[in-house]
């Protein structure tokens, strides 16, 4: 990622139970970002949340299958993020449940790889 260029953060809000091609949607999106050379992606699991349906979902220790909010954060140069989202958009629109995607410009203060 060239930090001298404009950088954007794409956030995609999904459910832990959303599935595409027999795998969790958040895994599908993260793997797709990696295969397309995106600089970085992180998946966050929420303990409580609600969306357009206004139904609150929360983590309960007695529930066998938890439907929890998930956020996939993806960062790279703005053009790469926009192209990635455009390639992903038909997949997101095919999911029958609610999804929210946002994009914002951001400033990268540090971007370095660790030692292997």
N, C-alpha and C. Protein backbone atom coordinates (compact mmCIF):
# COMPACT_ATOMS: atom_id res chain seq x y z
N UNK A 1 0.85 -1.17 0.00
CA UNK A 1 0.00 0.00 0.00
C UNK A 1 0.89 1.23 0.00
N UNK A 2 0.67 2.09 -0.94
CA UNK A 2 1.42 3.34 -1.06
C UNK A 2 0.73 4.39 -0.20
N UNK A 3 1.30 4.68 0.98
CA UNK A 3 0.64 5.59 1.92
C UNK A 3 0.73 7.06 1.50
N UNK A 4 1.41 7.35 0.37
CA UNK A 4 1.41 8.72 -0.14
C UNK A 4 0.15 8.99 -0.96
N UNK A 5 -0.59 7.94 -1.29
CA UNK A 5 -1.83 8.08 -2.05
C UNK A 5 -3.01 8.17 -1.08
N UNK A 6 -4.18 8.50 -1.61
CA UNK A 6 -5.38 8.56 -0.78
C UNK A 6 -5.77 7.14 -0.37
N UNK A 7 -5.98 6.96 0.94
CA UNK A 7 -6.29 5.66 1.50
C UNK A 7 -7.75 5.67 1.98
N UNK A 8 -8.44 4.56 1.77
CA UNK A 8 -9.82 4.44 2.23
C UNK A 8 -10.02 3.17 3.04
N UNK A 9 -11.00 3.25 3.92
CA UNK A 9 -11.39 2.13 4.76
C UNK A 9 -12.81 1.73 4.37
N UNK A 10 -12.97 0.49 3.95
CA UNK A 10 -14.27 -0.07 3.61
C UNK A 10 -14.73 -0.90 4.79
N UNK A 11 -15.93 -0.63 5.29
CA UNK A 11 -16.52 -1.43 6.37
C UNK A 11 -17.77 -2.10 5.84
N UNK A 12 -17.87 -3.39 6.07
CA UNK A 12 -19.04 -4.15 5.65
C UNK A 12 -19.62 -4.82 6.89
N UNK A 13 -20.86 -4.48 7.20
CA UNK A 13 -21.56 -5.02 8.36
C UNK A 13 -22.45 -6.16 7.90
N UNK A 14 -22.21 -7.37 8.43
CA UNK A 14 -22.97 -8.55 8.06
C UNK A 14 -23.35 -9.30 9.33
N UNK A 15 -23.96 -10.45 9.16
CA UNK A 15 -24.29 -11.32 10.29
C UNK A 15 -23.37 -12.52 10.30
N UNK A 16 -23.12 -13.07 11.47
CA UNK A 16 -22.28 -14.26 11.58
C UNK A 16 -22.93 -15.46 10.90
N UNK A 17 -24.23 -15.39 10.63
CA UNK A 17 -24.92 -16.52 10.00
C UNK A 17 -25.10 -16.36 8.50
N UNK A 18 -24.62 -15.26 7.92
CA UNK A 18 -24.71 -15.07 6.46
C UNK A 18 -23.74 -16.03 5.77
N UNK A 19 -24.25 -16.75 4.76
CA UNK A 19 -23.48 -17.77 4.06
C UNK A 19 -23.47 -17.48 2.56
N UNK A 20 -22.32 -17.72 1.91
CA UNK A 20 -22.21 -17.65 0.46
C UNK A 20 -21.33 -18.83 0.02
N UNK A 21 -21.80 -19.60 -0.93
CA UNK A 21 -21.05 -20.76 -1.42
C UNK A 21 -20.60 -21.70 -0.28
N UNK A 22 -21.47 -21.95 0.66
CA UNK A 22 -21.23 -22.87 1.78
C UNK A 22 -20.14 -22.42 2.75
N UNK A 23 -19.82 -21.12 2.79
CA UNK A 23 -18.88 -20.63 3.78
C UNK A 23 -19.40 -19.30 4.34
N UNK A 24 -18.99 -18.96 5.55
CA UNK A 24 -19.44 -17.69 6.12
C UNK A 24 -19.08 -16.52 5.20
N UNK A 25 -20.00 -15.59 5.06
CA UNK A 25 -19.79 -14.43 4.18
C UNK A 25 -18.54 -13.65 4.58
N UNK A 26 -18.30 -13.48 5.88
CA UNK A 26 -17.12 -12.72 6.31
C UNK A 26 -15.82 -13.40 5.88
N UNK A 27 -15.79 -14.75 5.87
CA UNK A 27 -14.61 -15.46 5.38
C UNK A 27 -14.45 -15.28 3.88
N UNK A 28 -15.57 -15.40 3.16
CA UNK A 28 -15.55 -15.23 1.71
C UNK A 28 -14.98 -13.85 1.34
N UNK A 29 -15.47 -12.81 2.00
CA UNK A 29 -15.03 -11.44 1.70
C UNK A 29 -13.54 -11.28 2.01
N UNK A 30 -13.11 -11.78 3.16
CA UNK A 30 -11.71 -11.64 3.56
C UNK A 30 -10.78 -12.38 2.59
N UNK A 31 -11.15 -13.59 2.22
CA UNK A 31 -10.33 -14.35 1.26
C UNK A 31 -10.29 -13.68 -0.10
N UNK A 32 -11.42 -13.11 -0.52
CA UNK A 32 -11.49 -12.40 -1.80
C UNK A 32 -10.57 -11.17 -1.77
N UNK A 33 -10.59 -10.43 -0.67
CA UNK A 33 -9.72 -9.26 -0.53
C UNK A 33 -8.25 -9.67 -0.64
N UNK A 34 -7.89 -10.76 0.03
CA UNK A 34 -6.51 -11.26 -0.02
C UNK A 34 -6.13 -11.67 -1.44
N UNK A 35 -7.02 -12.38 -2.11
CA UNK A 35 -6.71 -12.85 -3.47
C UNK A 35 -6.61 -11.70 -4.47
N UNK A 36 -7.26 -10.59 -4.17
CA UNK A 36 -7.20 -9.43 -5.07
C UNK A 36 -6.08 -8.45 -4.68
N UNK A 37 -5.25 -8.84 -3.72
CA UNK A 37 -4.09 -8.02 -3.38
C UNK A 37 -4.39 -6.81 -2.53
N UNK A 38 -5.49 -6.81 -1.82
CA UNK A 38 -5.82 -5.70 -0.93
C UNK A 38 -4.85 -5.70 0.25
N UNK A 39 -4.46 -4.51 0.71
CA UNK A 39 -3.42 -4.38 1.73
C UNK A 39 -3.77 -5.04 3.06
N UNK A 40 -5.01 -4.93 3.51
CA UNK A 40 -5.34 -5.53 4.79
C UNK A 40 -6.82 -5.65 5.03
N UNK A 41 -7.20 -6.65 5.84
CA UNK A 41 -8.59 -6.86 6.22
C UNK A 41 -8.62 -7.43 7.63
N UNK A 42 -9.61 -7.01 8.39
CA UNK A 42 -9.82 -7.51 9.75
C UNK A 42 -11.29 -7.77 9.94
N UNK A 43 -11.62 -8.89 10.58
CA UNK A 43 -13.02 -9.21 10.89
C UNK A 43 -13.21 -9.05 12.39
N UNK A 44 -14.24 -8.30 12.74
CA UNK A 44 -14.57 -8.06 14.14
C UNK A 44 -15.94 -8.65 14.43
N UNK A 45 -16.07 -9.31 15.60
CA UNK A 45 -17.36 -9.87 15.98
C UNK A 45 -17.95 -9.00 17.09
N UNK A 46 -19.17 -8.57 16.89
CA UNK A 46 -19.85 -7.77 17.91
C UNK A 46 -20.53 -8.66 18.93
N UNK A 47 -20.73 -8.13 20.12
CA UNK A 47 -21.45 -8.88 21.14
C UNK A 47 -22.92 -8.50 21.17
N UNK A 48 -23.25 -7.39 20.53
CA UNK A 48 -24.64 -6.97 20.45
C UNK A 48 -24.78 -5.96 19.32
N UNK A 49 -25.94 -5.97 18.65
CA UNK A 49 -26.19 -4.98 17.62
C UNK A 49 -27.53 -5.18 16.96
N UNK A 50 -27.91 -4.21 16.14
CA UNK A 50 -29.11 -4.30 15.32
C UNK A 50 -28.91 -3.48 14.07
N UNK A 51 -29.72 -3.77 13.07
CA UNK A 51 -29.62 -3.06 11.81
C UNK A 51 -30.97 -2.57 11.35
N UNK A 52 -31.18 -2.57 10.04
CA UNK A 52 -32.40 -2.03 9.46
C UNK A 52 -33.66 -2.75 9.95
N UNK A 53 -33.52 -4.02 10.35
CA UNK A 53 -34.68 -4.77 10.83
C UNK A 53 -35.08 -4.36 12.24
N UNK A 54 -34.21 -3.66 12.94
CA UNK A 54 -34.41 -3.22 14.33
C UNK A 54 -34.51 -4.36 15.33
N UNK A 55 -34.13 -5.56 14.93
CA UNK A 55 -34.11 -6.70 15.85
C UNK A 55 -32.72 -6.78 16.49
N UNK A 56 -32.68 -6.74 17.81
CA UNK A 56 -31.40 -6.78 18.52
C UNK A 56 -30.92 -8.22 18.62
N UNK A 57 -29.65 -8.42 18.29
CA UNK A 57 -28.99 -9.72 18.43
C UNK A 57 -27.86 -9.56 19.43
N UNK A 58 -27.75 -10.51 20.35
CA UNK A 58 -26.68 -10.41 21.35
C UNK A 58 -26.15 -11.80 21.67
N UNK A 59 -24.95 -11.82 22.25
CA UNK A 59 -24.31 -13.08 22.63
C UNK A 59 -24.93 -13.57 23.94
N UNK A 60 -25.45 -14.77 23.93
CA UNK A 60 -26.01 -15.39 25.12
C UNK A 60 -25.32 -16.73 25.29
N UNK A 61 -24.80 -17.01 26.46
CA UNK A 61 -24.03 -18.23 26.66
C UNK A 61 -24.85 -19.49 26.47
N UNK A 62 -26.17 -19.42 26.58
CA UNK A 62 -26.99 -20.63 26.44
C UNK A 62 -27.43 -20.90 25.00
N UNK A 63 -27.17 -20.01 24.08
CA UNK A 63 -27.57 -20.22 22.70
C UNK A 63 -26.55 -21.09 21.98
N UNK A 64 -27.04 -22.10 21.25
CA UNK A 64 -26.14 -22.99 20.51
C UNK A 64 -25.59 -22.32 19.25
N UNK A 65 -26.43 -21.62 18.53
CA UNK A 65 -25.97 -20.91 17.34
C UNK A 65 -26.25 -19.43 17.55
N UNK A 66 -25.20 -18.67 17.58
CA UNK A 66 -25.35 -17.24 17.82
C UNK A 66 -25.39 -16.48 16.50
N UNK A 67 -26.38 -15.64 16.36
CA UNK A 67 -26.46 -14.72 15.22
C UNK A 67 -25.95 -13.39 15.75
N UNK A 68 -24.69 -13.09 15.41
CA UNK A 68 -24.05 -11.89 15.93
C UNK A 68 -23.63 -10.96 14.80
N UNK A 69 -23.54 -9.67 15.11
CA UNK A 69 -23.05 -8.73 14.09
C UNK A 69 -21.56 -8.94 13.84
N UNK A 70 -21.17 -8.85 12.59
CA UNK A 70 -19.77 -8.95 12.18
C UNK A 70 -19.44 -7.71 11.35
N UNK A 71 -18.22 -7.21 11.51
CA UNK A 71 -17.75 -6.08 10.72
C UNK A 71 -16.46 -6.49 10.06
N UNK A 72 -16.40 -6.35 8.73
CA UNK A 72 -15.16 -6.60 7.99
C UNK A 72 -14.59 -5.23 7.62
N UNK A 73 -13.40 -4.94 8.10
CA UNK A 73 -12.73 -3.69 7.77
C UNK A 73 -11.63 -3.99 6.77
N UNK A 74 -11.63 -3.26 5.66
CA UNK A 74 -10.70 -3.50 4.56
C UNK A 74 -10.07 -2.16 4.20
N UNK A 75 -8.73 -2.12 4.12
CA UNK A 75 -8.04 -0.86 3.89
C UNK A 75 -7.04 -0.99 2.74
N UNK A 76 -6.98 0.05 1.93
CA UNK A 76 -6.00 0.13 0.85
C UNK A 76 -6.18 1.49 0.16
N UNK A 77 -5.47 1.66 -0.95
CA UNK A 77 -5.63 2.87 -1.75
C UNK A 77 -7.09 2.98 -2.20
N UNK A 78 -7.60 4.19 -2.24
CA UNK A 78 -9.02 4.42 -2.53
C UNK A 78 -9.46 3.74 -3.82
N UNK A 79 -8.70 3.84 -4.87
CA UNK A 79 -9.11 3.22 -6.15
C UNK A 79 -9.23 1.71 -6.01
N UNK A 80 -8.27 1.07 -5.33
CA UNK A 80 -8.33 -0.38 -5.14
C UNK A 80 -9.54 -0.77 -4.30
N UNK A 81 -9.85 0.03 -3.29
CA UNK A 81 -11.02 -0.26 -2.44
C UNK A 81 -12.30 -0.12 -3.24
N UNK A 82 -12.40 0.94 -4.03
CA UNK A 82 -13.60 1.14 -4.85
C UNK A 82 -13.76 0.02 -5.87
N UNK A 83 -12.68 -0.38 -6.51
CA UNK A 83 -12.75 -1.49 -7.47
C UNK A 83 -13.14 -2.79 -6.78
N UNK A 84 -12.57 -3.03 -5.59
CA UNK A 84 -12.90 -4.23 -4.84
C UNK A 84 -14.38 -4.24 -4.48
N UNK A 85 -14.88 -3.11 -3.97
CA UNK A 85 -16.30 -3.06 -3.61
C UNK A 85 -17.19 -3.29 -4.84
N UNK A 86 -16.84 -2.69 -5.95
CA UNK A 86 -17.65 -2.87 -7.17
C UNK A 86 -17.68 -4.33 -7.61
N UNK A 87 -16.58 -5.05 -7.41
CA UNK A 87 -16.56 -6.48 -7.77
C UNK A 87 -17.36 -7.31 -6.76
N UNK A 88 -17.46 -6.84 -5.54
CA UNK A 88 -18.15 -7.55 -4.46
C UNK A 88 -19.64 -7.23 -4.40
N UNK A 89 -20.02 -6.08 -4.90
CA UNK A 89 -21.40 -5.57 -4.77
C UNK A 89 -22.47 -6.57 -5.23
N UNK A 90 -22.34 -7.23 -6.39
CA UNK A 90 -23.38 -8.19 -6.79
C UNK A 90 -23.55 -9.33 -5.78
N UNK A 91 -22.46 -9.78 -5.19
CA UNK A 91 -22.54 -10.83 -4.17
C UNK A 91 -23.30 -10.32 -2.95
N UNK A 92 -22.95 -9.13 -2.49
CA UNK A 92 -23.62 -8.57 -1.33
C UNK A 92 -25.11 -8.37 -1.58
N UNK A 93 -25.44 -7.92 -2.79
CA UNK A 93 -26.85 -7.70 -3.13
C UNK A 93 -27.62 -9.01 -3.24
N UNK A 94 -26.93 -10.13 -3.45
CA UNK A 94 -27.61 -11.42 -3.57
C UNK A 94 -27.96 -12.03 -2.21
N UNK A 95 -27.37 -11.51 -1.15
CA UNK A 95 -27.64 -12.04 0.20
C UNK A 95 -29.03 -11.57 0.63
N UNK A 96 -29.90 -12.50 1.06
CA UNK A 96 -31.28 -12.12 1.39
C UNK A 96 -31.42 -11.28 2.66
N UNK A 97 -30.44 -11.30 3.52
CA UNK A 97 -30.51 -10.56 4.78
C UNK A 97 -29.89 -9.18 4.63
N UNK A 98 -30.02 -8.37 5.67
CA UNK A 98 -29.52 -7.00 5.64
C UNK A 98 -28.00 -6.92 5.69
N UNK A 99 -27.45 -5.96 4.97
CA UNK A 99 -26.01 -5.69 4.93
C UNK A 99 -25.84 -4.18 4.81
N UNK A 100 -24.80 -3.66 5.43
CA UNK A 100 -24.45 -2.25 5.31
C UNK A 100 -22.99 -2.16 4.90
N UNK A 101 -22.69 -1.34 3.90
CA UNK A 101 -21.31 -1.11 3.48
C UNK A 101 -21.05 0.39 3.50
N UNK A 102 -19.91 0.78 4.10
CA UNK A 102 -19.53 2.19 4.14
C UNK A 102 -18.09 2.33 3.68
N UNK A 103 -17.73 3.52 3.23
CA UNK A 103 -16.35 3.80 2.84
C UNK A 103 -16.00 5.19 3.34
N UNK A 104 -14.77 5.33 3.81
CA UNK A 104 -14.32 6.64 4.26
C UNK A 104 -12.83 6.77 4.01
N UNK A 105 -12.42 7.99 3.72
CA UNK A 105 -10.99 8.25 3.58
C UNK A 105 -10.38 8.25 4.98
N UNK A 106 -9.14 7.81 5.06
CA UNK A 106 -8.47 7.75 6.35
C UNK A 106 -7.00 8.10 6.20
N UNK A 107 -6.35 8.37 7.29
CA UNK A 107 -4.92 8.65 7.29
C UNK A 107 -4.20 7.48 7.95
N UNK A 108 -3.23 6.93 7.26
CA UNK A 108 -2.43 5.83 7.80
C UNK A 108 -1.23 6.44 8.52
N UNK A 109 -1.11 6.13 9.80
CA UNK A 109 0.00 6.64 10.58
C UNK A 109 1.20 5.71 10.55
N UNK A 110 0.94 4.41 10.45
CA UNK A 110 2.02 3.43 10.40
C UNK A 110 1.52 2.21 9.65
N UNK A 111 2.33 1.72 8.72
CA UNK A 111 2.00 0.49 7.99
C UNK A 111 3.30 -0.25 7.73
N UNK A 112 3.54 -1.30 8.49
CA UNK A 112 4.76 -2.06 8.32
C UNK A 112 4.44 -3.52 8.58
N UNK A 113 5.21 -4.40 7.93
CA UNK A 113 5.02 -5.82 8.16
C UNK A 113 5.91 -6.26 9.32
N UNK A 114 5.48 -7.33 9.96
CA UNK A 114 6.27 -7.90 11.04
C UNK A 114 7.30 -8.88 10.47
N UNK A 115 8.20 -9.32 11.31
CA UNK A 115 9.20 -10.30 10.88
C UNK A 115 8.53 -11.67 10.82
N UNK A 116 8.93 -12.47 9.83
CA UNK A 116 8.39 -13.82 9.67
C UNK A 116 9.26 -14.82 10.37
